[in-house]
């Protein structure tokens, strides 16, 4: 393997790892409470999925869904689009209510203080 390729791959890998660790630090140290809560809820849901299914079962279901869901969407596009729009409006309403209750501070706001 040429040395230049090894350097490129290691630099790319280092960038990916550093950005991932920075994002995890941001989530664990509650820099944005809404993102931290979403992260915690997703981890909680993953523990339930993990207790219900084996990893191989999840992979098989994902593989099957990968090829089945596009066809289902094409056949029922109008109904699915209507349902997605209604769910988005409900979620946007919840986000605005939660944002009004919880003050969101960013790193820039902390630096200004």
PDB file of N, CA and C in Angstrom:
ATOM      1  N   UNK A   1       0.867  -1.176   0.000  1.00  0.00           N
ATOM      2  CA  UNK A   1       0.000   0.000   0.000  1.00  0.00           C
ATOM      3  C   UNK A   1       0.908   1.231   0.000  1.00  0.00           C
ATOM      4  N   UNK A   2       0.646   2.150  -0.906  1.00  0.00           N
ATOM      5  CA  UNK A   2       1.465   3.366  -0.942  1.00  0.00           C
ATOM      6  C   UNK A   2       1.291   4.209   0.326  1.00  0.00           C
ATOM      7  N   UNK A   3       2.349   4.868   0.713  1.00  0.00           N
ATOM      8  CA  UNK A   3       2.343   5.654   1.945  1.00  0.00           C
ATOM      9  C   UNK A   3       1.343   6.810   1.872  1.00  0.00           C
ATOM     10  N   UNK A   4       1.189   7.396   0.687  1.00  0.00           N
ATOM     11  CA  UNK A   4       0.257   8.515   0.551  1.00  0.00           C
ATOM     12  C   UNK A   4      -1.182   8.069   0.820  1.00  0.00           C
ATOM     13  N   UNK A   5      -1.538   6.859   0.347  1.00  0.00           N
ATOM     14  CA  UNK A   5      -2.885   6.342   0.576  1.00  0.00           C
ATOM     15  C   UNK A   5      -3.127   6.081   2.056  1.00  0.00           C
ATOM     16  N   UNK A   6      -2.120   5.565   2.736  1.00  0.00           N
ATOM     17  CA  UNK A   6      -2.242   5.304   4.165  1.00  0.00           C
ATOM     18  C   UNK A   6      -2.453   6.612   4.922  1.00  0.00           C
ATOM     19  N   UNK A   7      -1.727   7.657   4.549  1.00  0.00           N
ATOM     20  CA  UNK A   7      -1.870   8.955   5.197  1.00  0.00           C
ATOM     21  C   UNK A   7      -3.263   9.532   4.940  1.00  0.00           C
ATOM     22  N   UNK A   8      -3.750   9.425   3.701  1.00  0.00           N
ATOM     23  CA  UNK A   8      -5.089   9.925   3.379  1.00  0.00           C
ATOM     24  C   UNK A   8      -6.163   9.196   4.180  1.00  0.00           C
ATOM     25  N   UNK A   9      -6.042   7.871   4.243  1.00  0.00           N
ATOM     26  CA  UNK A   9      -7.037   7.073   4.968  1.00  0.00           C
ATOM     27  C   UNK A   9      -6.982   7.385   6.453  1.00  0.00           C
ATOM     28  N   UNK A  10      -5.781   7.501   7.010  1.00  0.00           N
ATOM     29  CA  UNK A  10      -5.679   7.787   8.442  1.00  0.00           C
ATOM     30  C   UNK A  10      -6.198   9.182   8.766  1.00  0.00           C
ATOM     31  N   UNK A  11      -5.941  10.164   7.887  1.00  0.00           N
ATOM     32  CA  UNK A  11      -6.474  11.506   8.121  1.00  0.00           C
ATOM     33  C   UNK A  11      -7.992  11.515   8.065  1.00  0.00           C
ATOM     34  N   UNK A  12      -8.557  10.812   7.096  1.00  0.00           N
ATOM     35  CA  UNK A  12     -10.012  10.735   6.965  1.00  0.00           C
ATOM     36  C   UNK A  12     -10.619  10.031   8.176  1.00  0.00           C
ATOM     37  N   UNK A  13     -10.008   8.944   8.594  1.00  0.00           N
ATOM     38  CA  UNK A  13     -10.497   8.204   9.756  1.00  0.00           C
ATOM     39  C   UNK A  13     -10.417   9.054  11.018  1.00  0.00           C
ATOM     40  N   UNK A  14      -9.321   9.770  11.175  1.00  0.00           N
ATOM     41  CA  UNK A  14      -9.158  10.643  12.339  1.00  0.00           C
ATOM     42  C   UNK A  14     -10.220  11.733  12.359  1.00  0.00           C
ATOM     43  N   UNK A  15     -10.517  12.319  11.217  1.00  0.00           N
ATOM     44  CA  UNK A  15     -11.560  13.346  11.145  1.00  0.00           C
ATOM     45  C   UNK A  15     -12.920  12.785  11.535  1.00  0.00           C
ATOM     46  N   UNK A  16     -13.239  11.597  11.053  1.00  0.00           N
ATOM     47  CA  UNK A  16     -14.529  10.969  11.362  1.00  0.00           C
ATOM     48  C   UNK A  16     -14.628  10.661  12.851  1.00  0.00           C
ATOM     49  N   UNK A  17     -13.585  10.086  13.421  1.00  0.00           N
ATOM     50  CA  UNK A  17     -13.590   9.744  14.844  1.00  0.00           C
ATOM     51  C   UNK A  17     -13.695  11.001  15.693  1.00  0.00           C
ATOM     52  N   UNK A  18     -12.934  12.038  15.343  1.00  0.00           N
ATOM     53  CA  UNK A  18     -12.967  13.277  16.129  1.00  0.00           C
ATOM     54  C   UNK A  18     -14.337  13.944  16.067  1.00  0.00           C
ATOM     55  N   UNK A  19     -14.948  13.986  14.894  1.00  0.00           N
ATOM     56  CA  UNK A  19     -16.279  14.601  14.799  1.00  0.00           C
ATOM     57  C   UNK A  19     -17.312  13.778  15.561  1.00  0.00           C
ATOM     58  N   UNK A  20     -17.199  12.468  15.519  1.00  0.00           N
ATOM     59  CA  UNK A  20     -18.121  11.617  16.279  1.00  0.00           C
ATOM     60  C   UNK A  20     -17.969  11.796  17.774  1.00  0.00           C
ATOM     61  N   UNK A  21     -16.717  11.870  18.238  1.00  0.00           N
ATOM     62  CA  UNK A  21     -16.480  12.078  19.667  1.00  0.00           C
ATOM     63  C   UNK A  21     -16.937  13.457  20.119  1.00  0.00           C
ATOM     64  N   UNK A  22     -16.766  14.465  19.270  1.00  0.00           N
ATOM     65  CA  UNK A  22     -17.239  15.804  19.607  1.00  0.00           C
ATOM     66  C   UNK A  22     -18.759  15.822  19.733  1.00  0.00           C
ATOM     67  N   UNK A  23     -19.431  15.139  18.826  1.00  0.00           N
ATOM     68  CA  UNK A  23     -20.899  15.076  18.889  1.00  0.00           C
ATOM     69  C   UNK A  23     -21.352  14.323  20.136  1.00  0.00           C
ATOM     70  N   UNK A  24     -20.688  13.225  20.478  1.00  0.00           N
ATOM     71  CA  UNK A  24     -21.041  12.487  21.695  1.00  0.00           C
ATOM     72  C   UNK A  24     -20.805  13.331  22.940  1.00  0.00           C
ATOM     73  N   UNK A  25     -19.718  14.081  22.962  1.00  0.00           N
ATOM     74  CA  UNK A  25     -19.447  14.970  24.099  1.00  0.00           C
ATOM     75  C   UNK A  25     -20.552  16.007  24.230  1.00  0.00           C
ATOM     76  N   UNK A  26     -20.986  16.545  23.111  1.00  0.00           N
ATOM     77  CA  UNK A  26     -22.053  17.543  23.117  1.00  0.00           C
ATOM     78  C   UNK A  26     -23.353  16.938  23.647  1.00  0.00           C
ATOM     79  N   UNK A  27     -23.631  15.685  23.261  1.00  0.00           N
ATOM     80  CA  UNK A  27     -24.861  15.038  23.711  1.00  0.00           C
ATOM     81  C   UNK A  27     -24.810  14.664  25.187  1.00  0.00           C
ATOM     82  N   UNK A  28     -23.681  14.159  25.650  1.00  0.00           N
ATOM     83  CA  UNK A  28     -23.579  13.719  27.034  1.00  0.00           C
ATOM     84  C   UNK A  28     -23.487  14.888  28.020  1.00  0.00           C
ATOM     85  N   UNK A  29     -22.900  16.004  27.613  1.00  0.00           N
ATOM     86  CA  UNK A  29     -22.748  17.139  28.522  1.00  0.00           C
ATOM     87  C   UNK A  29     -23.894  18.137  28.420  1.00  0.00           C
ATOM     88  N   UNK A  30     -24.974  17.764  27.755  1.00  0.00           N
ATOM     89  CA  UNK A  30     -26.221  18.541  27.693  1.00  0.00           C
ATOM     90  C   UNK A  30     -26.008  19.961  27.183  1.00  0.00           C
ATOM     91  N   UNK A  31     -25.218  20.128  26.127  1.00  0.00           N
ATOM     92  CA  UNK A  31     -25.071  21.456  25.540  1.00  0.00           C
ATOM     93  C   UNK A  31     -26.375  21.912  24.910  1.00  0.00           C
ATOM     94  N   UNK A  32     -27.143  20.986  24.358  1.00  0.00           N
ATOM     95  CA  UNK A  32     -28.471  21.278  23.854  1.00  0.00           C
ATOM     96  C   UNK A  32     -29.398  20.236  24.454  1.00  0.00           C
ATOM     97  N   UNK A  33     -30.257  20.664  25.359  1.00  0.00           N
ATOM     98  CA  UNK A  33     -31.061  19.717  26.136  1.00  0.00           C
ATOM     99  C   UNK A  33     -32.009  18.920  25.256  1.00  0.00           C
ATOM    100  N   UNK A  34     -32.516  19.514  24.199  1.00  0.00           N
ATOM    101  CA  UNK A  34     -33.459  18.797  23.329  1.00  0.00           C
ATOM    102  C   UNK A  34     -32.750  17.670  22.593  1.00  0.00           C
ATOM    103  N   UNK A  35     -31.542  17.941  22.075  1.00  0.00           N
ATOM    104  CA  UNK A  35     -30.786  16.878  21.401  1.00  0.00           C
ATOM    105  C   UNK A  35     -30.394  15.779  22.381  1.00  0.00           C
ATOM    106  N   UNK A  36     -30.067  16.154  23.612  1.00  0.00           N
ATOM    107  CA  UNK A  36     -29.702  15.168  24.616  1.00  0.00           C
ATOM    108  C   UNK A  36     -30.892  14.279  24.961  1.00  0.00           C
ATOM    109  N   UNK A  37     -32.071  14.864  25.082  1.00  0.00           N
ATOM    110  CA  UNK A  37     -33.270  14.080  25.377  1.00  0.00           C
ATOM    111  C   UNK A  37     -33.590  13.151  24.211  1.00  0.00           C
ATOM    112  N   UNK A  38     -33.475  13.640  22.971  1.00  0.00           N
ATOM    113  CA  UNK A  38     -33.720  12.776  21.811  1.00  0.00           C
ATOM    114  C   UNK A  38     -32.730  11.619  21.777  1.00  0.00           C
ATOM    115  N   UNK A  39     -31.477  11.904  22.111  1.00  0.00           N
ATOM    116  CA  UNK A  39     -30.449  10.864  22.141  1.00  0.00           C
ATOM    117  C   UNK A  39     -30.773   9.822  23.214  1.00  0.00           C
ATOM    118  N   UNK A  40     -31.183  10.284  24.382  1.00  0.00           N
ATOM    119  CA  UNK A  40     -31.528   9.365  25.467  1.00  0.00           C
ATOM    120  C   UNK A  40     -32.730   8.507  25.124  1.00  0.00           C
ATOM    121  N   UNK A  41     -33.735   9.109  24.510  1.00  0.00           N
ATOM    122  CA  UNK A  41     -34.923   8.348  24.114  1.00  0.00           C
ATOM    123  C   UNK A  41     -34.573   7.315  23.049  1.00  0.00           C
ATOM    124  N   UNK A  42     -33.704   7.698  22.110  1.00  0.00           N
ATOM    125  CA  UNK A  42     -33.326   6.729  21.076  1.00  0.00           C
ATOM    126  C   UNK A  42     -32.526   5.569  21.678  1.00  0.00           C
ATOM    127  N   UNK A  43     -31.656   5.846  22.659  1.00  0.00           N
ATOM    128  CA  UNK A  43     -30.940   4.752  23.316  1.00  0.00           C
ATOM    129  C   UNK A  43     -31.890   3.845  24.090  1.00  0.00           C
ATOM    130  N   UNK A  44     -32.876   4.455  24.736  1.00  0.00           N
ATOM    131  CA  UNK A  44     -33.876   3.677  25.473  1.00  0.00           C
ATOM    132  C   UNK A  44     -34.659   2.779  24.522  1.00  0.00           C
ATOM    133  N   UNK A  45     -35.062   3.309  23.378  1.00  0.00           N
ATOM    134  CA  UNK A  45     -35.792   2.504  22.390  1.00  0.00           C
ATOM    135  C   UNK A  45     -34.911   1.389  21.836  1.00  0.00           C
ATOM    136  N   UNK A  46     -33.640   1.673  21.640  1.00  0.00           N
ATOM    137  CA  UNK A  46     -32.738   0.629  21.138  1.00  0.00           C
ATOM    138  C   UNK A  46     -32.570  -0.504  22.142  1.00  0.00           C
ATOM    139  N   UNK A  47     -32.640  -0.213  23.451  1.00  0.00           N
ATOM    140  CA  UNK A  47     -32.550  -1.303  24.421  1.00  0.00           C
ATOM    141  C   UNK A  47     -33.769  -2.213  24.323  1.00  0.00           C
ATOM    142  N   UNK A  48     -34.951  -1.639  24.084  1.00  0.00           N
ATOM    143  CA  UNK A  48     -36.136  -2.473  23.909  1.00  0.00           C
ATOM    144  C   UNK A  48     -36.060  -3.288  22.628  1.00  0.00           C
ATOM    145  N   UNK A  49     -35.628  -2.674  21.538  1.00  0.00           N
ATOM    146  CA  UNK A  49     -35.485  -3.426  20.291  1.00  0.00           C
ATOM    147  C   UNK A  49     -34.466  -4.543  20.474  1.00  0.00           C
ATOM    148  N   UNK A  50     -33.386  -4.253  21.174  1.00  0.00           N
ATOM    149  CA  UNK A  50     -32.374  -5.270  21.429  1.00  0.00           C
ATOM    150  C   UNK A  50     -32.875  -6.403  22.304  1.00  0.00           C
ATOM    151  N   UNK A  51     -33.796  -6.097  23.206  1.00  0.00           N
ATOM    152  CA  UNK A  51     -34.320  -7.172  24.051  1.00  0.00           C
ATOM    153  C   UNK A  51     -35.356  -8.015  23.313  1.00  0.00           C
ATOM    154  N   UNK A  52     -36.008  -7.447  22.318  1.00  0.00           N
ATOM    155  CA  UNK A  52     -37.014  -8.191  21.571  1.00  0.00           C
ATOM    156  C   UNK A  52     -36.414  -9.056  20.479  1.00  0.00           C
ATOM    157  N   UNK A  53     -35.392  -8.552  19.807  1.00  0.00           N
ATOM    158  CA  UNK A  53     -34.860  -9.220  18.627  1.00  0.00           C
ATOM    159  C   UNK A  53     -33.378  -9.517  18.787  1.00  0.00           C
ATOM    160  N   UNK A  54     -32.949 -10.533  18.054  1.00  0.00           N
ATOM    161  CA  UNK A  54     -31.538 -10.810  17.883  1.00  0.00           C
ATOM    162  C   UNK A  54     -31.009  -9.865  16.802  1.00  0.00           C
ATOM    163  N   UNK A  55     -29.720  -9.574  16.795  1.00  0.00           N
ATOM    164  CA  UNK A  55     -29.156  -8.670  15.800  1.00  0.00           C
ATOM    165  C   UNK A  55     -29.358  -9.200  14.386  1.00  0.00           C
ATOM    166  N   UNK A  56     -29.232 -10.491  14.215  1.00  0.00           N
ATOM    167  CA  UNK A  56     -29.425 -11.075  12.895  1.00  0.00           C
ATOM    168  C   UNK A  56     -30.865 -10.879  12.420  1.00  0.00           C
ATOM    169  N   UNK A  57     -31.815 -10.966  13.323  1.00  0.00           N
ATOM    170  CA  UNK A  57     -33.212 -10.735  12.965  1.00  0.00           C
ATOM    171  C   UNK A  57     -33.420  -9.297  12.523  1.00  0.00           C
ATOM    172  N   UNK A  58     -32.817  -8.350  13.223  1.00  0.00           N
ATOM    173  CA  UNK A  58     -32.934  -6.942  12.852  1.00  0.00           C
ATOM    174  C   UNK A  58     -32.319  -6.701  11.478  1.00  0.00           C
ATOM    175  N   UNK A  59     -31.180  -7.338  11.202  1.00  0.00           N
ATOM    176  CA  UNK A  59     -30.535  -7.191   9.896  1.00  0.00           C
ATOM    177  C   UNK A  59     -31.429  -7.770   8.792  1.00  0.00           C
ATOM    178  N   UNK A  60     -32.033  -8.911   9.035  1.00  0.00           N
ATOM    179  CA  UNK A  60     -32.919  -9.518   8.027  1.00  0.00           C
ATOM    180  C   UNK A  60     -34.137  -8.637   7.788  1.00  0.00           C
ATOM    181  N   UNK A  61     -34.727  -8.098   8.858  1.00  0.00           N
ATOM    182  CA  UNK A  61     -35.885  -7.213   8.703  1.00  0.00           C
ATOM    183  C   UNK A  61     -35.512  -5.936   7.959  1.00  0.00           C
ATOM    184  N   UNK A  62     -34.343  -5.386   8.250  1.00  0.00           N
ATOM    185  CA  UNK A  62     -33.896  -4.179   7.553  1.00  0.00           C
ATOM    186  C   UNK A  62     -33.646  -4.475   6.079  1.00  0.00           C
ATOM    187  N   UNK A  63     -33.056  -5.612   5.781  1.00  0.00           N
ATOM    188  CA  UNK A  63     -32.779  -5.993   4.394  1.00  0.00           C
ATOM    189  C   UNK A  63     -34.089  -6.189   3.619  1.00  0.00           C
ATOM    190  N   UNK A  64     -35.061  -6.817   4.256  1.00  0.00           N
ATOM    191  CA  UNK A  64     -36.355  -7.018   3.617  1.00  0.00           C
ATOM    192  C   UNK A  64     -37.068  -5.681   3.407  1.00  0.00           C
ATOM    193  N   UNK A  65     -37.028  -4.829   4.417  1.00  0.00           N
ATOM    194  CA  UNK A  65     -37.656  -3.518   4.312  1.00  0.00           C
ATOM    195  C   UNK A  65     -37.000  -2.629   3.284  1.00  0.00           C
ATOM    196  N   UNK A  66     -35.715  -2.796   3.092  1.00  0.00           N
ATOM    197  CA  UNK A  66     -34.978  -2.001   2.112  1.00  0.00           C
ATOM    198  C   UNK A  66     -35.556  -2.169   0.716  1.00  0.00           C
ATOM    199  N   UNK A  67     -36.022  -3.356   0.400  1.00  0.00           N
ATOM    200  CA  UNK A  67     -36.560  -3.606  -0.932  1.00  0.00           C
ATOM    201  C   UNK A  67     -38.084  -3.587  -0.986  1.00  0.00           C
ATOM    202  N   UNK A  68     -38.743  -3.729   0.153  1.00  0.00           N
ATOM    203  CA  UNK A  68     -40.195  -3.766   0.170  1.00  0.00           C
ATOM    204  C   UNK A  68     -40.803  -2.372   0.310  1.00  0.00           C
ATOM    205  N   UNK A  69     -40.244  -1.556   1.193  1.00  0.00           N
ATOM    206  CA  UNK A  69     -40.841  -0.256   1.484  1.00  0.00           C
ATOM    207  C   UNK A  69     -40.894   0.694   0.288  1.00  0.00           C
ATOM    208  N   UNK A  70     -39.905   0.737  -0.593  1.00  0.00           N
ATOM    209  CA  UNK A  70     -40.062   1.616  -1.763  1.00  0.00           C
ATOM    210  C   UNK A  70     -41.254   1.234  -2.642  1.00  0.00           C
ATOM    211  N   UNK A  71     -41.497  -0.034  -2.815  1.00  0.00           N
ATOM    212  CA  UNK A  71     -42.636  -0.474  -3.626  1.00  0.00           C
ATOM    213  C   UNK A  71     -43.956  -0.127  -2.939  1.00  0.00           C
ATOM    214  N   UNK A  72     -44.015  -0.288  -1.631  1.00  0.00           N
ATOM    215  CA  UNK A  72     -45.214   0.083  -0.883  1.00  0.00           C
ATOM    216  C   UNK A  72     -45.458   1.584  -1.004  1.00  0.00           C
ATOM    217  N   UNK A  73     -44.387   2.371  -0.926  1.00  0.00           N
ATOM    218  CA  UNK A  73     -44.528   3.824  -1.054  1.00  0.00           C
ATOM    219  C   UNK A  73     -45.030   4.211  -2.445  1.00  0.00           C
ATOM    220  N   UNK A  74     -44.497   3.592  -3.470  1.00  0.00           N
ATOM    221  CA  UNK A  74     -44.929   3.905  -4.842  1.00  0.00           C
ATOM    222  C   UNK A  74     -46.413   3.569  -5.029  1.00  0.00           C
ATOM    223  N   UNK A  75     -46.854   2.453  -4.476  1.00  0.00           N
ATOM    224  CA  UNK A  75     -48.252   2.044  -4.630  1.00  0.00           C
ATOM    225  C   UNK A  75     -49.214   2.917  -3.824  1.00  0.00           C
ATOM    226  N   UNK A  76     -48.775   3.470  -2.702  1.00  0.00           N
ATOM    227  CA  UNK A  76     -49.655   4.233  -1.813  1.00  0.00           C
ATOM    228  C   UNK A  76     -49.101   5.625  -1.547  1.00  0.00           C
ATOM    229  N   UNK A  77     -48.536   6.269  -2.534  1.00  0.00           N
ATOM    230  CA  UNK A  77     -47.820   7.522  -2.342  1.00  0.00           C
ATOM    231  C   UNK A  77     -48.714   8.640  -1.797  1.00  0.00           C
ATOM    232  N   UNK A  78     -49.914   8.782  -2.297  1.00  0.00           N
ATOM    233  CA  UNK A  78     -50.785   9.881  -1.862  1.00  0.00           C
ATOM    234  C   UNK A  78     -51.162   9.736  -0.392  1.00  0.00           C
ATOM    235  N   UNK A  79     -51.558   8.543   0.021  1.00  0.00           N
ATOM    236  CA  UNK A  79     -51.962   8.325   1.409  1.00  0.00           C
ATOM    237  C   UNK A  79     -50.780   8.489   2.358  1.00  0.00           C
ATOM    238  N   UNK A  80     -49.621   7.996   1.955  1.00  0.00           N
ATOM    239  CA  UNK A  80     -48.441   8.096   2.805  1.00  0.00           C
ATOM    240  C   UNK A  80     -47.995   9.549   2.927  1.00  0.00           C
ATOM    241  N   UNK A  81     -48.032  10.303   1.839  1.00  0.00           N
ATOM    242  CA  UNK A  81     -47.649  11.719   1.893  1.00  0.00           C
ATOM    243  C   UNK A  81     -48.584  12.507   2.806  1.00  0.00           C
ATOM    244  N   UNK A  82     -49.880  12.232   2.746  1.00  0.00           N
ATOM    245  CA  UNK A  82     -50.820  12.904   3.638  1.00  0.00           C
ATOM    246  C   UNK A  82     -50.530  12.580   5.101  1.00  0.00           C
ATOM    247  N   UNK A  83     -50.248  11.309   5.384  1.00  0.00           N
ATOM    248  CA  UNK A  83     -49.949  10.906   6.760  1.00  0.00           C
ATOM    249  C   UNK A  83     -48.656  11.546   7.252  1.00  0.00           C
ATOM    250  N   UNK A  84     -47.648  11.613   6.397  1.00  0.00           N
ATOM    251  CA  UNK A  84     -46.369  12.215   6.789  1.00  0.00           C
ATOM    252  C   UNK A  84     -46.538  13.704   7.060  1.00  0.00           C
ATOM    253  N   UNK A  85     -47.325  14.390   6.250  1.00  0.00           N
ATOM    254  CA  UNK A  85     -47.552  15.823   6.463  1.00  0.00           C
ATOM    255  C   UNK A  85     -48.264  16.063   7.789  1.00  0.00           C
ATOM    256  N   UNK A  86     -49.260  15.249   8.103  1.00  0.00           N
ATOM    257  CA  UNK A  86     -49.969  15.434   9.371  1.00  0.00           C
ATOM    258  C   UNK A  86     -49.062  15.135  10.560  1.00  0.00           C
ATOM    259  N   UNK A  87     -48.226  14.115  10.454  1.00  0.00           N
ATOM    260  CA  UNK A  87     -47.294  13.799  11.539  1.00  0.00           C
ATOM    261  C   UNK A  87     -46.267  14.922  11.697  1.00  0.00           C
ATOM    262  N   UNK A  88     -45.783  15.479  10.596  1.00  0.00           N
ATOM    263  CA  UNK A  88     -44.818  16.577  10.665  1.00  0.00           C
ATOM    264  C   UNK A  88     -45.405  17.795  11.354  1.00  0.00           C
ATOM    265  N   UNK A  89     -46.666  18.108  11.079  1.00  0.00           N
ATOM    266  CA  UNK A  89     -47.277  19.272  11.726  1.00  0.00           C
ATOM    267  C   UNK A  89     -47.414  19.046  13.228  1.00  0.00           C
ATOM    268  N   UNK A  90     -47.763  17.834  13.634  1.00  0.00           N
ATOM    269  CA  UNK A  90     -47.863  17.529  15.062  1.00  0.00           C
ATOM    270  C   UNK A  90     -46.490  17.626  15.727  1.00  0.00           C
ATOM    271  N   UNK A  91     -45.473  17.083  15.077  1.00  0.00           N
ATOM    272  CA  UNK A  91     -44.124  17.108  15.644  1.00  0.00           C
ATOM    273  C   UNK A  91     -43.599  18.536  15.715  1.00  0.00           C
ATOM    274  N   UNK A  92     -43.846  19.336  14.687  1.00  0.00           N
ATOM    275  CA  UNK A  92     -43.411  20.734  14.721  1.00  0.00           C
ATOM    276  C   UNK A  92     -44.102  21.495  15.844  1.00  0.00           C
ATOM    277  N   UNK A  93     -45.382  21.218  16.070  1.00  0.00           N
ATOM    278  CA  UNK A  93     -46.092  21.846  17.180  1.00  0.00           C
ATOM    279  C   UNK A  93     -45.508  21.457  18.515  1.00  0.00           C
ATOM    280  N   UNK A  94     -45.168  20.168  18.680  1.00  0.00           N
ATOM    281  CA  UNK A  94     -44.544  19.718  19.923  1.00  0.00           C
ATOM    282  C   UNK A  94     -43.176  20.356  20.120  1.00  0.00           C
ATOM    283  N   UNK A  95     -42.402  20.473  19.048  1.00  0.00           N
ATOM    284  CA  UNK A  95     -41.080  21.087  19.148  1.00  0.00           C
ATOM    285  C   UNK A  95     -41.179  22.540  19.591  1.00  0.00           C
ATOM    286  N   UNK A  96     -42.134  23.274  19.041  1.00  0.00           N
ATOM    287  CA  UNK A  96     -42.270  24.672  19.433  1.00  0.00           C
ATOM    288  C   UNK A  96     -42.714  24.789  20.884  1.00  0.00           C
ATOM    289  N   UNK A  97     -43.612  23.904  21.335  1.00  0.00           N
ATOM    290  CA  UNK A  97     -44.034  23.929  22.733  1.00  0.00           C
ATOM    291  C   UNK A  97     -42.877  23.600  23.663  1.00  0.00           C
ATOM    292  N   UNK A  98     -42.104  22.590  23.316  1.00  0.00           N
ATOM    293  CA  UNK A  98     -40.967  22.196  24.163  1.00  0.00           C
ATOM    294  C   UNK A  98     -39.897  23.279  24.152  1.00  0.00           C
ATOM    295  N   UNK A  99     -39.645  23.863  22.995  1.00  0.00           N
ATOM    296  CA  UNK A  99     -38.646  24.930  22.910  1.00  0.00           C
ATOM    297  C   UNK A  99     -39.073  26.141  23.716  1.00  0.00           C
ATOM    298  N   UNK A 100     -40.366  26.406  23.796  1.00  0.00           N
ATOM    299  CA  UNK A 100     -40.846  27.526  24.591  1.00  0.00           C
ATOM    300  C   UNK A 100     -40.669  27.250  26.082  1.00  0.00           C
ATOM    301  N   UNK A 101     -40.774  25.983  26.481  1.00  0.00           N
ATOM    302  CA  UNK A 101     -40.627  25.637  27.895  1.00  0.00           C
ATOM    303  C   UNK A 101     -39.172  25.541  28.326  1.00  0.00           C
ATOM    304  N   UNK A 102     -38.312  25.038  27.449  1.00  0.00           N
ATOM    305  CA  UNK A 102     -36.911  24.804  27.786  1.00  0.00           C
ATOM    306  C   UNK A 102     -36.055  25.813  27.041  1.00  0.00           C
ATOM    307  N   UNK A 103     -35.326  26.651  27.774  1.00  0.00           N
ATOM    308  CA  UNK A 103     -34.450  27.591  27.073  1.00  0.00           C
ATOM    309  C   UNK A 103     -33.251  26.850  26.478  1.00  0.00           C
ATOM    310  N   UNK A 104     -33.002  27.106  25.220  1.00  0.00           N
ATOM    311  CA  UNK A 104     -31.906  26.454  24.517  1.00  0.00           C
ATOM    312  C   UNK A 104     -30.729  27.421  24.463  1.00  0.00           C
ATOM    313  N   UNK A 105     -29.599  26.997  25.025  1.00  0.00           N
ATOM    314  CA  UNK A 105     -28.392  27.816  24.970  1.00  0.00           C
ATOM    315  C   UNK A 105     -27.382  27.112  24.089  1.00  0.00           C
ATOM    316  N   UNK A 106     -26.741  27.880  23.275  1.00  0.00           N
ATOM    317  CA  UNK A 106     -25.727  27.319  22.389  1.00  0.00           C
ATOM    318  C   UNK A 106     -24.348  27.674  22.922  1.00  0.00           C
ATOM    319  N   UNK A 107     -23.327  27.128  22.329  1.00  0.00           N
ATOM    320  CA  UNK A 107     -21.967  27.397  22.749  1.00  0.00           C
ATOM    321  C   UNK A 107     -21.621  28.871  22.536  1.00  0.00           C
ATOM    322  N   UNK A 108     -22.192  29.483  21.481  1.00  0.00           N
ATOM    323  CA  UNK A 108     -21.936  30.895  21.217  1.00  0.00           C
ATOM    324  C   UNK A 108     -22.529  31.781  22.308  1.00  0.00           C
ATOM    325  N   UNK A 109     -23.720  31.412  22.806  1.00  0.00           N
ATOM    326  CA  UNK A 109     -24.340  32.160  23.888  1.00  0.00           C
ATOM    327  C   UNK A 109     -23.513  32.081  25.152  1.00  0.00           C
ATOM    328  N   UNK A 110     -22.937  30.920  25.423  1.00  0.00           N
ATOM    329  CA  UNK A 110     -22.104  30.749  26.619  1.00  0.00           C
ATOM    330  C   UNK A 110     -20.825  31.564  26.515  1.00  0.00           C
ATOM    331  N   UNK A 111     -20.276  31.659  25.312  1.00  0.00           N
ATOM    332  CA  UNK A 111     -19.046  32.422  25.123  1.00  0.00           C
ATOM    333  C   UNK A 111     -19.303  33.912  25.338  1.00  0.00           C
ATOM    334  N   UNK A 112     -20.487  34.378  24.930  1.00  0.00           N
ATOM    335  CA  UNK A 112     -20.825  35.795  25.093  1.00  0.00           C
ATOM    336  C   UNK A 112     -20.968  36.164  26.563  1.00  0.00           C
ATOM    337  N   UNK A 113     -21.428  35.222  27.393  1.00  0.00           N
ATOM    338  CA  UNK A 113     -21.612  35.500  28.805  1.00  0.00           C
ATOM    339  C   UNK A 113     -20.275  35.531  29.472  1.00  0.00           C
TER     340      UNK A 113
END
